[in-house]
Structures are given as structure tokens and as C-alpha cells.
C-alpha atoms as a PDB file:
ATOM      1  CA  MET A   1      -0.093  -0.078   0.170  1.00  0.00           C
ATOM      2  CA  LEU A   2       2.952   2.314   0.868  1.00  0.00           C
ATOM      3  CA  TRP A   3       4.617   1.738  -2.266  1.00  0.00           C
ATOM      4  CA  LYS A   4       1.474   2.435  -4.434  1.00  0.00           C
ATOM      5  CA  MET A   5       1.283   5.804  -2.793  1.00  0.00           C
ATOM      6  CA  LEU A   6       5.116   6.502  -3.149  1.00  0.00           C
ATOM      7  CA  THR A   7       4.754   5.481  -7.005  1.00  0.00           C
ATOM      8  CA  PHE A   8       1.407   7.755  -7.368  1.00  0.00           C
ATOM      9  CA  LEU A   9       4.124  10.534  -6.260  1.00  0.00           C
ATOM     10  CA  SER A  10       6.650   9.689  -9.078  1.00  0.00           C
ATOM     11  CA  LEU A  11       3.775   9.535 -11.886  1.00  0.00           C
ATOM     12  CA  ASN A  12       3.413  13.144 -13.784  1.00  0.00           C
ATOM     13  CA  CYS A  13      -0.389  12.969 -13.403  1.00  0.00           C
ATOM     14  CA  ARG A  14      -1.589  15.614 -10.833  1.00  0.00           C
ATOM     15  CA  GLU A  15      -4.704  13.374  -9.913  1.00  0.00           C
ATOM     16  CA  LYS A  16      -2.784  10.348  -9.047  1.00  0.00           C
ATOM     17  CA  LYS A  17      -0.344  12.567  -6.939  1.00  0.00           C
ATOM     18  CA  ILE A  18      -3.187  14.267  -5.053  1.00  0.00           C
ATOM     19  CA  GLU A  19      -4.785  10.792  -4.596  1.00  0.00           C
ATOM     20  CA  GLY A  20      -1.199   9.745  -3.265  1.00  0.00           C
ATOM     21  CA  LEU A  21      -0.998  12.137  -0.643  1.00  0.00           C
ATOM     22  CA  THR A  22      -4.656  11.986   0.494  1.00  0.00           C
ATOM     23  CA  SER A  23      -3.899   8.560   1.126  1.00  0.00           C
ATOM     24  CA  LEU A  24      -0.755   9.314   2.911  1.00  0.00           C
ATOM     25  CA  ARG A  25      -2.878  11.732   5.177  1.00  0.00           C
ATOM     26  CA  VAL A  26      -5.379   9.058   5.942  1.00  0.00           C
ATOM     27  CA  MET A  27      -2.376   6.560   7.028  1.00  0.00           C
ATOM     28  CA  ALA A  28      -0.999   9.598   9.205  1.00  0.00           C
ATOM     29  CA  GLN A  29      -4.232   9.792  11.049  1.00  0.00           C
ATOM     30  CA  ASN A  30      -4.910   5.701  11.269  1.00  0.00           C
ATOM     31  CA  HIS A  31      -1.891   3.857  10.322  1.00  0.00           C
ATOM     32  CA  MET A  32       0.917   5.750  11.677  1.00  0.00           C
ATOM     33  CA  ASP A  33       2.924   2.401  12.325  1.00  0.00           C
ATOM     34  CA  ILE A  34       3.040   1.483   8.520  1.00  0.00           C
ATOM     35  CA  LEU A  35       4.475   5.045   7.785  1.00  0.00           C
ATOM     36  CA  MET A  36       6.835   5.127  10.617  1.00  0.00           C
ATOM     37  CA  PRO A  37       9.826   2.964   8.919  1.00  0.00           C
ATOM     38  CA  LYS A  38       9.934   4.842   5.906  1.00  0.00           C
ATOM     39  CA  LEU A  39       9.219   8.271   7.685  1.00  0.00           C
ATOM     40  CA  HIS A  40      12.571  10.299   5.973  1.00  0.00           C
ATOM     41  CA  ASP A  41      11.799   8.770   2.614  1.00  0.00           C
ATOM     42  CA  ILE A  42       7.959  10.034   2.848  1.00  0.00           C
ATOM     43  CA  CYS A  43       8.957  13.406   3.733  1.00  0.00           C
ATOM     44  CA  LEU A  44      11.364  14.043   1.303  1.00  0.00           C
ATOM     45  CA  ALA A  45       9.052  12.739  -1.593  1.00  0.00           C
ATOM     46  CA  ILE A  46       6.322  15.388   0.115  1.00  0.00           C
ATOM     47  CA  ILE A  47       8.891  17.956   0.240  1.00  0.00           C
ATOM     48  CA  ASN A  48       9.379  17.606  -3.743  1.00  0.00           C
ATOM     49  CA  GLU A  49       5.657  17.718  -4.317  1.00  0.00           C
ATOM     50  CA  VAL A  50       5.515  21.011  -1.915  1.00  0.00           C
ATOM     51  CA  LYS A  51       7.895  22.508  -4.850  1.00  0.00           C
ATOM     52  CA  ASN A  52       5.561  21.061  -7.710  1.00  0.00           C
ATOM     53  CA  LEU A  53       4.374  24.068 -10.128  1.00  0.00           C
ATOM     54  CA  ARG A  54       0.371  23.026 -10.205  1.00  0.00           C
ATOM     55  CA  SER A  55      -1.181  24.712  -7.075  1.00  0.00           C
ATOM     56  CA  ALA A  56      -3.477  22.082  -6.424  1.00  0.00           C
ATOM     57  CA  VAL A  57      -0.440  19.300  -5.918  1.00  0.00           C
ATOM     58  CA  SER A  58       1.688  21.745  -3.773  1.00  0.00           C
ATOM     59  CA  CYS A  59      -1.686  22.539  -1.635  1.00  0.00           C
ATOM     60  CA  ALA A  60      -2.155  18.953  -0.976  1.00  0.00           C
ATOM     61  CA  ALA A  61       1.580  18.052   0.210  1.00  0.00           C
ATOM     62  CA  MET A  62       1.529  21.213   2.336  1.00  0.00           C
ATOM     63  CA  ALA A  63      -1.562  19.638   3.993  1.00  0.00           C
ATOM     64  CA  THR A  64      -0.221  16.245   4.097  1.00  0.00           C
ATOM     65  CA  LEU A  65       2.900  17.670   5.906  1.00  0.00           C
ATOM     66  CA  GLY A  66       0.542  19.849   8.325  1.00  0.00           C
ATOM     67  CA  ASP A  67      -1.536  16.107   9.237  1.00  0.00           C
ATOM     68  CA  MET A  68       1.697  14.282   9.619  1.00  0.00           C
ATOM     69  CA  TYR A  69       2.975  16.956  11.951  1.00  0.00           C
ATOM     70  CA  VAL A  70      -0.197  17.085  13.816  1.00  0.00           C
ATOM     71  CA  HIS A  71      -0.724  13.103  14.370  1.00  0.00           C
ATOM     72  CA  LEU A  72       2.711  12.059  14.191  1.00  0.00           C
ATOM     73  CA  GLN A  73       4.033  14.771  16.451  1.00  0.00           C
ATOM     74  CA  ARG A  74       7.423  13.306  18.080  1.00  0.00           C
ATOM     75  CA  ALA A  75       8.409  11.189  15.207  1.00  0.00           C
ATOM     76  CA  MET A  76       8.434  14.318  13.183  1.00  0.00           C
ATOM     77  CA  ASP A  77      11.066  16.107  14.940  1.00  0.00           C
ATOM     78  CA  SER A  78      13.657  14.452  12.964  1.00  0.00           C
ATOM     79  CA  GLU A  79      12.012  16.109   9.807  1.00  0.00           C
ATOM     80  CA  VAL A  80      11.617  19.953  10.773  1.00  0.00           C
ATOM     81  CA  GLU A  81      15.152  20.643   9.321  1.00  0.00           C
ATOM     82  CA  GLY A  82      13.699  19.856   5.969  1.00  0.00           C
ATOM     83  CA  THR A  83      10.218  20.579   6.247  1.00  0.00           C
ATOM     84  CA  ALA A  84       9.647  23.942   8.186  1.00  0.00           C
ATOM     85  CA  PRO A  85       9.613  27.012   6.297  1.00  0.00           C
ATOM     86  CA  GLN A  86      12.518  29.275   6.914  1.00  0.00           C
ATOM     87  CA  SER A  87      12.634  33.021   6.890  1.00  0.00           C
ATOM     88  CA  GLN A  88      14.776  35.173   4.306  1.00  0.00           C
ATOM     89  CA  ARG A  89      17.630  35.415   6.995  1.00  0.00           C
ATOM     90  CA  GLY A  90      17.676  31.760   7.454  1.00  0.00           C
ATOM     91  CA  GLN A  91      16.104  31.373  10.668  1.00  0.00           C
ATOM     92  CA  ARG A  92      13.336  29.264  11.555  1.00  0.00           C
ATOM     93  CA  LEU A  93      10.123  31.365  11.851  1.00  0.00           C
ATOM     94  CA  HIS A  94       7.870  31.006  15.070  1.00  0.00           C
ATOM     95  CA  PRO A  95       5.072  29.216  14.822  1.00  0.00           C
ATOM     96  CA  ALA A  96       3.042  32.411  15.657  1.00  0.00           C
ATOM     97  CA  GLY A  97       4.401  33.762  12.652  1.00  0.00           C
ATOM     98  CA  ALA A  98       3.289  30.719  10.215  1.00  0.00           C
ATOM     99  CA  PRO A  99       0.014  32.383   9.439  1.00  0.00           C
ATOM    100  CA  THR A 100       1.270  35.662   8.052  1.00  0.00           C
ATOM    101  CA  LEU A 101       2.902  33.193   5.169  1.00  0.00           C
ATOM    102  CA  PRO A 102       0.919  33.565   1.947  1.00  0.00           C
ATOM    103  CA  TRP A 103       0.516  29.947   1.226  1.00  0.00           C
ATOM    104  CA  VAL A 104      -1.263  29.416   4.521  1.00  0.00           C
ATOM    105  CA  THR A 105      -3.783  31.955   4.092  1.00  0.00           C
ATOM    106  CA  TRP A 106      -4.438  31.081   0.384  1.00  0.00           C
ATOM    107  CA  CYS A 107      -3.972  27.574   0.239  1.00  0.00           C
ATOM    108  CA  ARG A 108      -6.511  25.808   2.843  1.00  0.00           C
ATOM    109  CA  ALA A 109      -6.642  22.054   2.392  1.00  0.00           C
ATOM    110  CA  ALA A 110      -9.956  20.617   1.754  1.00  0.00           C
ATOM    111  CA  PRO A 111     -10.946  17.915   4.520  1.00  0.00           C
ATOM    112  CA  LEU A 112     -10.442  14.653   3.781  1.00  0.00           C
ATOM    113  CA  PRO A 113     -12.836  12.172   2.217  1.00  0.00           C
ATOM    114  CA  VAL A 114     -14.933  10.449   4.248  1.00  0.00           C
ATOM    115  CA  SER A 115     -14.383   6.750   3.466  1.00  0.00           C
END
């Protein structure tokens, strides 16, 4: 199942990428134990999608990272360096400053589909 989601992220089809990211969000909420062994690789794949020029894919990737931080909590501590936004001076942004980032106000994640 996990390899299928990561395969979807490597495709050029934006619908498949979003489907894979949505599946990762669901897994972060319900099946954390499956994500844990490959957490670093999964985060790298999601970070690549955050940089995607398609806004829908980029928003889905940011929502996925957000859900992973909410549900995996301490397990994501080792991924902060690569996933947290940085200010222009290279300093980490304080969480209180996050809502001022343009993508936070522009990109509101859609709720997960009800299964």
C-alpha cells in the first residue's frame, strides 16, 4: 500500500499525485505504524511535491505535511530541518508567524474524504 502511494507521487499525473498525498494523510491519521519505518523517504517525496508548480498538488502536499506533524508529533521532530519554512535570513519561523505566510492563507486544505 505504501509503495503504491509513493509510486503515485513519482507519476506526472496531478490527479494521481493528489490521490497519493490524500492517502498519506489518511495513513498518518489511522496507520502511523506503517509510515514510521520509511518516514524520512516519505517526507522527502512530499517536500518535492510542495515545490510542484501545480498549486493543487502543492497545497495537497502542504496539507499532508501538516497532518503528519499533527498526528505523528515527536516522530516528525527529526524531519523539521527539511520541512519547516525558513525566513529570508535563514532563521526558523516561530509558529506564531506561520499564518502570515502567503501560502497558509491562500492554501486551505480540503477536508479528507469520508471513507
